[in-house]
Amino acid sequence: MRRTQGPDVDLSVYAKAVPLLLRNPAIVVVPLLMAVIGAFLQLTMTSSNGGGALGGLTGQLASFIVILLELFGLGAACIIADDAWRHGRASFEKGWAEARNRGGDILLAAIGFTLLLAVAQYAGALLGPLAIVLMVAVIVFLVWAIPAAAIGGVPGGAAIQVSIDRVRGAPLPAVIAAIVTVALLAVGVPILSVYLAVWIPLLHSSIIINLLVSALLQGIAVGYIALILAKTYADAAFGTRRW
């Protein structure tokens, strides 16, 4: 099938995603569950092994597994978000069934994304200031890797290349989507979590409740990001006629 020309930037998507998320809280369910599992897994694995080399390796393994869980949650959310964009209302049961069927492809894409990001970090450590450039390039060019595997029908092993091709065809929408994604997950959620912990004593005194609240914030952020990535990827891959 011949791909249509890449779309222009539609900033209204970022505003429309908010009420759409409110009407479809099911988009948040899987990312929230993955965030909770990941938080407790990392807490358990890092606290039970102490320090030293073994503890460091265990912490790295825990971080790797957590990232995969979170990216799977993003993929599942993209499937439900895609349904929400097309029909206004999304079915969690249908979306979850599709996420299970495509789980292998989503995880393969997640592994590829994670390994390439790790390579960029390692190479950047050797090259100094180029670390930021390499990591930005990976994030931007692979921003649609998970949606490609989740809603694009792309095999997980090909999702990386497909994302690169789509970004080359529609660079500005991809850059804006990547900026919003990083801003929410790397800046917005951590700052809001710290702010709430300072102003709500219960969060400051209970690590479990603090983890749950942080997971909730992350789940909501990932749900919103899934709506953005699903729409921008679908526009770049299939054209606006799909909607």
C-alpha atoms as a PDB file:
ATOM      1  CA  MET A   1       0.000   0.000   0.000  1.00  0.00           C
ATOM      2  CA  ARG A   2       1.354   3.393  -0.931  1.00  0.00           C
ATOM      3  CA  ARG A   3       1.859   5.667   2.039  1.00  0.00           C
ATOM      4  CA  THR A   4       0.305   9.066   1.945  1.00  0.00           C
ATOM      5  CA  GLN A   5       2.401  12.206   2.331  1.00  0.00           C
ATOM      6  CA  GLY A   6       3.381  13.109   5.850  1.00  0.00           C
ATOM      7  CA  PRO A   7       0.968  15.460   7.654  1.00  0.00           C
ATOM      8  CA  ASP A   8       1.493  19.016   8.767  1.00  0.00           C
ATOM      9  CA  VAL A   9       1.746  19.736  12.473  1.00  0.00           C
ATOM     10  CA  ASP A  10      -1.652  19.701  14.183  1.00  0.00           C
ATOM     11  CA  LEU A  11      -1.192  21.204  17.621  1.00  0.00           C
ATOM     12  CA  SER A  12      -4.906  20.837  18.360  1.00  0.00           C
ATOM     13  CA  VAL A  13      -4.206  17.143  18.987  1.00  0.00           C
ATOM     14  CA  TYR A  14      -2.517  18.051  22.268  1.00  0.00           C
ATOM     15  CA  ALA A  15      -5.606  19.889  23.500  1.00  0.00           C
ATOM     16  CA  LYS A  16      -8.123  17.349  22.193  1.00  0.00           C
ATOM     17  CA  ALA A  17      -6.241  14.531  23.953  1.00  0.00           C
ATOM     18  CA  VAL A  18      -7.154  15.909  27.389  1.00  0.00           C
ATOM     19  CA  PRO A  19     -10.971  15.509  27.220  1.00  0.00           C
ATOM     20  CA  LEU A  20     -10.523  12.287  25.272  1.00  0.00           C
ATOM     21  CA  LEU A  21      -8.436  10.891  28.129  1.00  0.00           C
ATOM     22  CA  LEU A  22     -11.049  11.999  30.652  1.00  0.00           C
ATOM     23  CA  ARG A  23     -13.750  10.166  28.663  1.00  0.00           C
ATOM     24  CA  ASN A  24     -11.578   7.053  28.370  1.00  0.00           C
ATOM     25  CA  PRO A  25      -9.840   6.381  31.710  1.00  0.00           C
ATOM     26  CA  ALA A  26      -9.268   2.810  30.493  1.00  0.00           C
ATOM     27  CA  ILE A  27      -6.240   4.170  28.611  1.00  0.00           C
ATOM     28  CA  VAL A  28      -4.511   4.678  31.964  1.00  0.00           C
ATOM     29  CA  VAL A  29      -5.183   1.212  33.407  1.00  0.00           C
ATOM     30  CA  VAL A  30      -2.299  -0.805  31.912  1.00  0.00           C
ATOM     31  CA  PRO A  31       0.338   1.952  32.268  1.00  0.00           C
ATOM     32  CA  LEU A  32      -0.745   2.400  35.892  1.00  0.00           C
ATOM     33  CA  LEU A  33      -0.498  -1.329  36.562  1.00  0.00           C
ATOM     34  CA  MET A  34       2.945  -1.520  34.927  1.00  0.00           C
ATOM     35  CA  ALA A  35       4.122   1.511  36.907  1.00  0.00           C
ATOM     36  CA  VAL A  36       3.001  -0.048  40.200  1.00  0.00           C
ATOM     37  CA  ILE A  37       4.621  -3.409  39.394  1.00  0.00           C
ATOM     38  CA  GLY A  38       7.801  -1.708  38.225  1.00  0.00           C
ATOM     39  CA  ALA A  39       8.071   0.512  41.295  1.00  0.00           C
ATOM     40  CA  PHE A  40       7.697  -2.360  43.746  1.00  0.00           C
ATOM     41  CA  LEU A  41       9.964  -4.615  41.691  1.00  0.00           C
ATOM     42  CA  GLN A  42      12.742  -2.052  41.655  1.00  0.00           C
ATOM     43  CA  LEU A  43      12.263  -1.333  45.356  1.00  0.00           C
ATOM     44  CA  THR A  44      12.378  -5.034  46.227  1.00  0.00           C
ATOM     45  CA  MET A  45      15.361  -5.949  44.027  1.00  0.00           C
ATOM     46  CA  THR A  46      17.521  -3.000  45.026  1.00  0.00           C
ATOM     47  CA  SER A  47      16.791  -3.181  48.764  1.00  0.00           C
ATOM     48  CA  SER A  48      17.304  -6.957  49.088  1.00  0.00           C
ATOM     49  CA  ASN A  49      20.803  -7.068  47.577  1.00  0.00           C
ATOM     50  CA  GLY A  50      22.527  -4.211  49.345  1.00  0.00           C
ATOM     51  CA  GLY A  51      25.547  -2.483  47.818  1.00  0.00           C
ATOM     52  CA  GLY A  52      28.616  -3.684  45.984  1.00  0.00           C
ATOM     53  CA  ALA A  53      28.977  -4.986  42.449  1.00  0.00           C
ATOM     54  CA  LEU A  54      26.126  -7.485  42.833  1.00  0.00           C
ATOM     55  CA  GLY A  55      23.816  -4.806  44.090  1.00  0.00           C
ATOM     56  CA  GLY A  56      24.745  -2.564  41.171  1.00  0.00           C
ATOM     57  CA  LEU A  57      24.062  -5.311  38.634  1.00  0.00           C
ATOM     58  CA  THR A  58      20.781  -6.141  40.302  1.00  0.00           C
ATOM     59  CA  GLY A  59      19.776  -2.494  40.209  1.00  0.00           C
ATOM     60  CA  GLN A  60      20.596  -2.270  36.495  1.00  0.00           C
ATOM     61  CA  LEU A  61      18.615  -5.433  35.781  1.00  0.00           C
ATOM     62  CA  ALA A  62      15.676  -4.076  37.757  1.00  0.00           C
ATOM     63  CA  SER A  63      15.823  -0.801  35.827  1.00  0.00           C
ATOM     64  CA  PHE A  64      15.887  -2.678  32.506  1.00  0.00           C
ATOM     65  CA  ILE A  65      12.853  -4.762  33.439  1.00  0.00           C
ATOM     66  CA  VAL A  66      11.003  -1.688  34.692  1.00  0.00           C
ATOM     67  CA  ILE A  67      11.618   0.131  31.402  1.00  0.00           C
ATOM     68  CA  LEU A  68      10.294  -2.851  29.448  1.00  0.00           C
ATOM     69  CA  LEU A  69       7.195  -2.980  31.644  1.00  0.00           C
ATOM     70  CA  GLU A  70       6.585   0.730  31.176  1.00  0.00           C
ATOM     71  CA  LEU A  71       7.042   0.524  27.402  1.00  0.00           C
ATOM     72  CA  PHE A  72       4.648  -2.411  27.240  1.00  0.00           C
ATOM     73  CA  GLY A  73       2.169  -0.312  29.202  1.00  0.00           C
ATOM     74  CA  LEU A  74       2.663   2.468  26.659  1.00  0.00           C
ATOM     75  CA  GLY A  75       2.041   0.044  23.803  1.00  0.00           C
ATOM     76  CA  ALA A  76      -1.167  -1.255  25.367  1.00  0.00           C
ATOM     77  CA  ALA A  77      -2.288   2.316  26.026  1.00  0.00           C
ATOM     78  CA  CYS A  78      -1.582   3.223  22.373  1.00  0.00           C
ATOM     79  CA  ILE A  79      -3.913   0.447  21.227  1.00  0.00           C
ATOM     80  CA  ILE A  80      -6.740   1.686  23.445  1.00  0.00           C
ATOM     81  CA  ALA A  81      -5.945   5.303  22.558  1.00  0.00           C
ATOM     82  CA  ASP A  82      -6.133   4.517  18.852  1.00  0.00           C
ATOM     83  CA  ASP A  83      -9.596   3.047  19.418  1.00  0.00           C
ATOM     84  CA  ALA A  84     -10.583   6.162  21.363  1.00  0.00           C
ATOM     85  CA  TRP A  85      -9.488   8.503  18.570  1.00  0.00           C
ATOM     86  CA  ARG A  86     -11.442   6.546  15.973  1.00  0.00           C
ATOM     87  CA  HIS A  87     -14.659   5.911  17.904  1.00  0.00           C
ATOM     88  CA  GLY A  88     -14.732   8.424  20.746  1.00  0.00           C
ATOM     89  CA  ARG A  89     -15.092   5.595  23.263  1.00  0.00           C
ATOM     90  CA  ALA A  90     -12.610   2.780  23.726  1.00  0.00           C
ATOM     91  CA  SER A  91     -13.186  -0.752  25.001  1.00  0.00           C
ATOM     92  CA  PHE A  92     -10.646  -1.883  27.574  1.00  0.00           C
ATOM     93  CA  GLU A  93     -11.446  -5.559  27.001  1.00  0.00           C
ATOM     94  CA  LYS A  94     -10.869  -5.269  23.270  1.00  0.00           C
ATOM     95  CA  GLY A  95      -7.732  -3.202  23.734  1.00  0.00           C
ATOM     96  CA  TRP A  96      -6.280  -5.545  26.333  1.00  0.00           C
ATOM     97  CA  ALA A  97      -6.928  -8.547  24.103  1.00  0.00           C
ATOM     98  CA  GLU A  98      -5.115  -6.839  21.212  1.00  0.00           C
ATOM     99  CA  ALA A  99      -2.256  -5.847  23.533  1.00  0.00           C
ATOM    100  CA  ARG A 100      -1.795  -9.478  24.579  1.00  0.00           C
ATOM    101  CA  ASN A 101      -1.802 -10.602  20.958  1.00  0.00           C
ATOM    102  CA  ARG A 102       0.769  -7.974  20.012  1.00  0.00           C
ATOM    103  CA  GLY A 103       2.708  -8.248  23.260  1.00  0.00           C
ATOM    104  CA  GLY A 104       5.681  -9.997  21.667  1.00  0.00           C
ATOM    105  CA  ASP A 105       6.076  -7.321  19.000  1.00  0.00           C
ATOM    106  CA  ILE A 106       5.690  -4.532  21.574  1.00  0.00           C
ATOM    107  CA  LEU A 107       8.352  -6.086  23.804  1.00  0.00           C
ATOM    108  CA  LEU A 108      10.739  -6.586  20.871  1.00  0.00           C
ATOM    109  CA  ALA A 109      10.333  -2.934  19.939  1.00  0.00           C
ATOM    110  CA  ALA A 110      10.810  -1.985  23.596  1.00  0.00           C
ATOM    111  CA  ILE A 111      14.023  -4.025  23.831  1.00  0.00           C
ATOM    112  CA  GLY A 112      15.360  -2.410  20.663  1.00  0.00           C
ATOM    113  CA  PHE A 113      14.533   1.062  21.941  1.00  0.00           C
ATOM    114  CA  THR A 114      16.073   0.404  25.356  1.00  0.00           C
ATOM    115  CA  LEU A 115      19.283  -1.110  23.962  1.00  0.00           C
ATOM    116  CA  LEU A 116      19.804   1.721  21.479  1.00  0.00           C
ATOM    117  CA  LEU A 117      19.235   4.291  24.222  1.00  0.00           C
ATOM    118  CA  ALA A 118      21.752   2.455  26.421  1.00  0.00           C
ATOM    119  CA  VAL A 119      24.292   2.412  23.570  1.00  0.00           C
ATOM    120  CA  ALA A 120      23.775   6.158  23.088  1.00  0.00           C
ATOM    121  CA  GLN A 121      24.360   6.738  26.799  1.00  0.00           C
ATOM    122  CA  TYR A 122      27.512   4.592  26.789  1.00  0.00           C
ATOM    123  CA  ALA A 123      28.899   6.198  23.628  1.00  0.00           C
ATOM    124  CA  GLY A 124      28.035   9.615  24.987  1.00  0.00           C
ATOM    125  CA  ALA A 125      29.974   8.891  28.167  1.00  0.00           C
ATOM    126  CA  LEU A 126      33.033   8.300  25.994  1.00  0.00           C
ATOM    127  CA  LEU A 127      32.419  11.266  23.697  1.00  0.00           C
ATOM    128  CA  GLY A 128      31.475  13.797  26.362  1.00  0.00           C
ATOM    129  CA  PRO A 129      28.985  16.509  25.334  1.00  0.00           C
ATOM    130  CA  LEU A 130      27.822  14.405  22.382  1.00  0.00           C
ATOM    131  CA  ALA A 131      25.909  12.240  24.877  1.00  0.00           C
ATOM    132  CA  ILE A 132      22.976  14.641  24.824  1.00  0.00           C
ATOM    133  CA  VAL A 133      22.948  14.807  21.026  1.00  0.00           C
ATOM    134  CA  LEU A 134      22.998  11.011  20.701  1.00  0.00           C
ATOM    135  CA  MET A 135      20.244  10.492  23.260  1.00  0.00           C
ATOM    136  CA  VAL A 136      18.063  13.170  21.676  1.00  0.00           C
ATOM    137  CA  ALA A 137      18.532  11.543  18.270  1.00  0.00           C
ATOM    138  CA  VAL A 138      17.523   8.127  19.627  1.00  0.00           C
ATOM    139  CA  ILE A 139      14.447   9.486  21.394  1.00  0.00           C
ATOM    140  CA  VAL A 140      13.272  11.508  18.399  1.00  0.00           C
ATOM    141  CA  PHE A 141      13.843   8.864  15.723  1.00  0.00           C
ATOM    142  CA  LEU A 142      12.405   6.055  17.844  1.00  0.00           C
ATOM    143  CA  VAL A 143       9.476   7.997  19.303  1.00  0.00           C
ATOM    144  CA  TRP A 144       7.063   6.032  17.097  1.00  0.00           C
ATOM    145  CA  ALA A 145       8.655   2.585  17.549  1.00  0.00           C
ATOM    146  CA  ILE A 146       6.148   1.443  20.179  1.00  0.00           C
ATOM    147  CA  PRO A 147       3.091   2.772  18.283  1.00  0.00           C
ATOM    148  CA  ALA A 148       4.401   1.103  15.112  1.00  0.00           C
ATOM    149  CA  ALA A 149       4.413  -2.269  16.867  1.00  0.00           C
ATOM    150  CA  ALA A 150       1.189  -1.631  18.794  1.00  0.00           C
ATOM    151  CA  ILE A 151      -1.149  -0.081  16.219  1.00  0.00           C
ATOM    152  CA  GLY A 152       0.793  -0.144  12.966  1.00  0.00           C
ATOM    153  CA  GLY A 153       0.812  -3.909  12.501  1.00  0.00           C
ATOM    154  CA  VAL A 154       4.602  -3.800  12.236  1.00  0.00           C
ATOM    155  CA  PRO A 155       6.637  -6.779  13.526  1.00  0.00           C
ATOM    156  CA  GLY A 156       8.622  -5.852  16.608  1.00  0.00           C
ATOM    157  CA  GLY A 157      11.950  -6.412  14.897  1.00  0.00           C
ATOM    158  CA  ALA A 158      11.059  -3.891  12.171  1.00  0.00           C
ATOM    159  CA  ALA A 159       9.464  -1.246  14.410  1.00  0.00           C
ATOM    160  CA  ILE A 160      12.740   0.625  14.887  1.00  0.00           C
ATOM    161  CA  GLN A 161      13.325   1.087  11.161  1.00  0.00           C
ATOM    162  CA  VAL A 162       9.677   1.930  10.529  1.00  0.00           C
ATOM    163  CA  SER A 163       9.800   4.629  13.226  1.00  0.00           C
ATOM    164  CA  ILE A 164      12.922   6.114  11.644  1.00  0.00           C
ATOM    165  CA  ASP A 165      11.252   6.144   8.224  1.00  0.00           C
ATOM    166  CA  ARG A 166       8.097   7.797   9.571  1.00  0.00           C
ATOM    167  CA  VAL A 167      10.112  10.439  11.443  1.00  0.00           C
ATOM    168  CA  ARG A 168      12.068  11.246   8.299  1.00  0.00           C
ATOM    169  CA  GLY A 169       8.776  11.721   6.491  1.00  0.00           C
ATOM    170  CA  ALA A 170       7.211  13.882   9.218  1.00  0.00           C
ATOM    171  CA  PRO A 171      10.055  15.282  11.342  1.00  0.00           C
ATOM    172  CA  LEU A 172       8.312  18.221  13.007  1.00  0.00           C
ATOM    173  CA  PRO A 173       5.352  16.252  14.442  1.00  0.00           C
ATOM    174  CA  ALA A 174       7.835  13.652  15.724  1.00  0.00           C
ATOM    175  CA  VAL A 175      10.070  16.260  17.368  1.00  0.00           C
ATOM    176  CA  ILE A 176       7.132  17.936  19.114  1.00  0.00           C
ATOM    177  CA  ALA A 177       5.767  14.568  20.289  1.00  0.00           C
ATOM    178  CA  ALA A 178       9.217  13.613  21.621  1.00  0.00           C
ATOM    179  CA  ILE A 179       9.584  16.926  23.465  1.00  0.00           C
ATOM    180  CA  VAL A 180       6.178  16.562  25.121  1.00  0.00           C
ATOM    181  CA  THR A 181       6.929  12.937  26.057  1.00  0.00           C
ATOM    182  CA  VAL A 182      10.257  13.764  27.703  1.00  0.00           C
ATOM    183  CA  ALA A 183       8.889  16.892  29.366  1.00  0.00           C
ATOM    184  CA  LEU A 184       6.035  14.984  30.999  1.00  0.00           C
ATOM    185  CA  LEU A 185       7.900  11.842  32.069  1.00  0.00           C
ATOM    186  CA  ALA A 186      11.338  13.257  32.910  1.00  0.00           C
ATOM    187  CA  VAL A 187      10.304  16.646  34.278  1.00  0.00           C
ATOM    188  CA  GLY A 188       6.585  16.988  34.937  1.00  0.00           C
ATOM    189  CA  VAL A 189       5.889  13.772  36.840  1.00  0.00           C
ATOM    190  CA  PRO A 190       9.024  13.904  39.076  1.00  0.00           C
ATOM    191  CA  ILE A 191       8.472  17.571  39.970  1.00  0.00           C
ATOM    192  CA  LEU A 192       4.788  17.026  40.760  1.00  0.00           C
ATOM    193  CA  SER A 193       5.660  13.932  42.834  1.00  0.00           C
ATOM    194  CA  VAL A 194       8.152  15.928  44.916  1.00  0.00           C
ATOM    195  CA  TYR A 195       5.695  18.808  45.269  1.00  0.00           C
ATOM    196  CA  LEU A 196       2.951  16.513  46.558  1.00  0.00           C
ATOM    197  CA  ALA A 197       5.352  14.767  48.948  1.00  0.00           C
ATOM    198  CA  VAL A 198       6.304  18.115  50.449  1.00  0.00           C
ATOM    199  CA  TRP A 199       2.753  19.343  50.898  1.00  0.00           C
ATOM    200  CA  ILE A 200       1.086  16.070  51.897  1.00  0.00           C
ATOM    201  CA  PRO A 201       2.685  14.653  55.080  1.00  0.00           C
ATOM    202  CA  LEU A 202       1.295  11.156  54.495  1.00  0.00           C
ATOM    203  CA  LEU A 203       3.260  10.864  51.251  1.00  0.00           C
ATOM    204  CA  HIS A 204       6.419  12.017  52.988  1.00  0.00           C
ATOM    205  CA  SER A 205       6.079   9.485  55.794  1.00  0.00           C
ATOM    206  CA  SER A 206       4.967   6.404  53.832  1.00  0.00           C
ATOM    207  CA  ILE A 207       7.148   5.129  51.004  1.00  0.00           C
ATOM    208  CA  ILE A 208       4.415   2.748  49.824  1.00  0.00           C
ATOM    209  CA  ILE A 209       1.802   5.473  49.456  1.00  0.00           C
ATOM    210  CA  ASN A 210       4.404   7.721  47.832  1.00  0.00           C
ATOM    211  CA  LEU A 211       5.167   5.002  45.263  1.00  0.00           C
ATOM    212  CA  LEU A 212       1.482   4.477  44.533  1.00  0.00           C
ATOM    213  CA  VAL A 213       0.847   8.188  44.016  1.00  0.00           C
ATOM    214  CA  SER A 214       3.916   8.486  41.779  1.00  0.00           C
ATOM    215  CA  ALA A 215       2.707   5.467  39.804  1.00  0.00           C
ATOM    216  CA  LEU A 216      -0.721   7.086  39.408  1.00  0.00           C
ATOM    217  CA  LEU A 217       0.829  10.291  38.098  1.00  0.00           C
ATOM    218  CA  GLN A 218       2.997   8.320  35.715  1.00  0.00           C
ATOM    219  CA  GLY A 219       0.057   6.244  34.522  1.00  0.00           C
ATOM    220  CA  ILE A 220      -1.951   9.374  33.730  1.00  0.00           C
ATOM    221  CA  ALA A 221       1.017  10.941  31.934  1.00  0.00           C
ATOM    222  CA  VAL A 222       1.622   7.789  29.882  1.00  0.00           C
ATOM    223  CA  GLY A 223      -2.077   7.633  28.993  1.00  0.00           C
ATOM    224  CA  TYR A 224      -1.928  11.177  27.647  1.00  0.00           C
ATOM    225  CA  ILE A 225       1.319  10.444  25.790  1.00  0.00           C
ATOM    226  CA  ALA A 226      -0.249   7.326  24.279  1.00  0.00           C
ATOM    227  CA  LEU A 227      -3.028   9.462  22.818  1.00  0.00           C
ATOM    228  CA  ILE A 228      -0.467  11.848  21.332  1.00  0.00           C
ATOM    229  CA  LEU A 229       1.782   9.139  19.914  1.00  0.00           C
ATOM    230  CA  ALA A 230      -1.094   7.065  18.552  1.00  0.00           C
ATOM    231  CA  LYS A 231      -2.581  10.038  16.693  1.00  0.00           C
ATOM    232  CA  THR A 232       0.669  11.511  15.391  1.00  0.00           C
ATOM    233  CA  TYR A 233       1.975   8.100  14.289  1.00  0.00           C
ATOM    234  CA  ALA A 234      -1.274   7.195  12.558  1.00  0.00           C
ATOM    235  CA  ASP A 235      -1.309  10.546  10.749  1.00  0.00           C
ATOM    236  CA  ALA A 236       2.298  10.054   9.605  1.00  0.00           C
ATOM    237  CA  ALA A 237       1.805   6.422   8.610  1.00  0.00           C
ATOM    238  CA  PHE A 238      -1.723   6.359   7.205  1.00  0.00           C
ATOM    239  CA  GLY A 239      -2.671   9.977   6.636  1.00  0.00           C
ATOM    240  CA  THR A 240      -5.498  11.965   8.185  1.00  0.00           C
ATOM    241  CA  ARG A 241      -8.115  10.143   6.086  1.00  0.00           C
ATOM    242  CA  ARG A 242      -7.951   7.311   8.589  1.00  0.00           C
ATOM    243  CA  TRP A 243      -9.938   9.446  11.006  1.00  0.00           C
END
